[in-house]
């Protein structure tokens, strides 16, 4: 099990982020699915293909759902939008 799954869950401050994630047996999952949010993190951390590998494994999940779930996770880990905007992480097409 990925360590990120053990992060204490709080109520999301952002209404859109709240809709991005629901809970299944206390575990945060991508809304409308039973796919744990930490699967996204595992793909980013351990899959050579990154999110491409995630989307290959779960083709019915949209990019917007994944982005919203990651935003929810970052919010719950205490990252503000300003901190994230200063990173080289880009969600748009390159």
Protein backbone atom coordinates (compact mmCIF):
# COMPACT_ATOMS: atom_id res chain seq x y z
CA UNK A 1 0.00 0.00 0.00
CA UNK A 2 1.27 3.45 -0.85
CA UNK A 3 2.02 5.67 2.16
CA UNK A 4 -0.07 8.50 0.73
CA UNK A 5 -3.22 6.48 1.49
CA UNK A 6 -2.52 6.97 5.20
CA UNK A 7 -2.72 10.77 5.03
CA UNK A 8 -5.48 12.06 7.33
CA UNK A 9 -8.45 13.20 5.26
CA UNK A 10 -10.06 16.55 5.92
CA UNK A 11 -13.04 18.26 4.34
CA UNK A 12 -11.99 19.99 1.12
CA UNK A 13 -12.08 23.78 1.18
CA UNK A 14 -12.77 24.08 -2.53
CA UNK A 15 -16.27 23.09 -3.65
CA UNK A 16 -15.00 21.82 -7.04
CA UNK A 17 -12.35 19.73 -5.31
CA UNK A 18 -15.02 18.21 -3.06
CA UNK A 19 -16.83 16.95 -6.16
CA UNK A 20 -13.58 15.46 -7.53
CA UNK A 21 -13.15 12.97 -4.71
CA UNK A 22 -15.56 10.76 -2.83
CA UNK A 23 -14.86 8.13 -0.21
CA UNK A 24 -15.11 4.36 -0.39
CA UNK A 25 -14.64 2.64 2.98
CA UNK A 26 -12.87 5.78 4.23
CA UNK A 27 -10.46 5.86 1.30
CA UNK A 28 -10.46 8.88 -1.06
CA UNK A 29 -11.38 7.75 -4.57
CA UNK A 30 -11.87 9.51 -7.89
CA UNK A 31 -15.52 10.60 -7.88
CA UNK A 32 -17.84 8.17 -9.61
CA UNK A 33 -15.29 5.34 -9.39
CA UNK A 34 -13.69 3.04 -6.84
CA UNK A 35 -10.19 4.01 -8.00
CA UNK A 36 -8.16 5.32 -5.03
CA UNK A 37 -6.50 8.70 -5.46
CA UNK A 38 -3.18 7.15 -4.46
CA UNK A 39 -3.21 5.11 -7.71
CA UNK A 40 -2.57 8.40 -9.51
CA UNK A 41 0.39 9.09 -7.23
CA UNK A 42 1.72 5.57 -7.77
CA UNK A 43 1.54 6.07 -11.53
CA UNK A 44 3.42 9.34 -11.30
CA UNK A 45 6.03 7.93 -8.96
CA UNK A 46 6.62 4.43 -10.28
CA UNK A 47 5.24 4.02 -13.81
CA UNK A 48 7.75 4.94 -16.50
CA UNK A 49 4.87 6.24 -18.59
CA UNK A 50 3.53 8.42 -15.77
CA UNK A 51 -0.08 9.46 -16.30
CA UNK A 52 -0.05 7.93 -19.79
CA UNK A 53 0.25 4.56 -18.09
CA UNK A 54 -2.60 5.45 -15.73
CA UNK A 55 -4.84 6.46 -18.65
CA UNK A 56 -3.92 3.25 -20.48
CA UNK A 57 -5.01 1.23 -17.45
CA UNK A 58 -8.14 3.34 -16.85
CA UNK A 59 -9.19 4.72 -20.25
CA UNK A 60 -12.65 5.74 -19.01
CA UNK A 61 -11.15 8.23 -16.55
CA UNK A 62 -10.87 11.75 -17.96
CA UNK A 63 -7.86 14.03 -17.62
CA UNK A 64 -10.07 16.59 -15.87
CA UNK A 65 -11.03 14.00 -13.22
CA UNK A 66 -7.37 13.21 -12.55
CA UNK A 67 -6.41 16.89 -12.39
CA UNK A 68 -9.24 17.60 -9.96
CA UNK A 69 -8.24 14.63 -7.77
CA UNK A 70 -4.61 15.81 -7.71
CA UNK A 71 -5.78 19.33 -6.82
CA UNK A 72 -7.81 17.83 -3.98
CA UNK A 73 -4.79 15.85 -2.77
CA UNK A 74 -2.46 18.86 -2.89
CA UNK A 75 -5.02 20.92 -0.98
CA UNK A 76 -5.14 18.26 1.73
CA UNK A 77 -1.37 18.07 1.90
CA UNK A 78 -1.29 21.82 2.60
CA UNK A 79 0.01 23.17 -0.70
CA UNK A 80 -1.32 26.54 -1.79
CA UNK A 81 -1.93 27.54 -5.39
CA UNK A 82 1.03 29.97 -5.29
CA UNK A 83 3.48 27.23 -4.33
CA UNK A 84 2.21 24.97 -7.10
CA UNK A 85 2.24 27.69 -9.77
CA UNK A 86 5.98 28.14 -9.21
CA UNK A 87 6.73 24.53 -10.13
CA UNK A 88 7.47 23.19 -13.62
CA UNK A 89 4.32 21.05 -13.49
CA UNK A 90 2.02 21.89 -16.40
CA UNK A 91 -1.45 20.45 -16.96
CA UNK A 92 -1.99 21.92 -20.43
CA UNK A 93 -0.94 20.36 -23.67
CA UNK A 94 2.73 20.94 -24.46
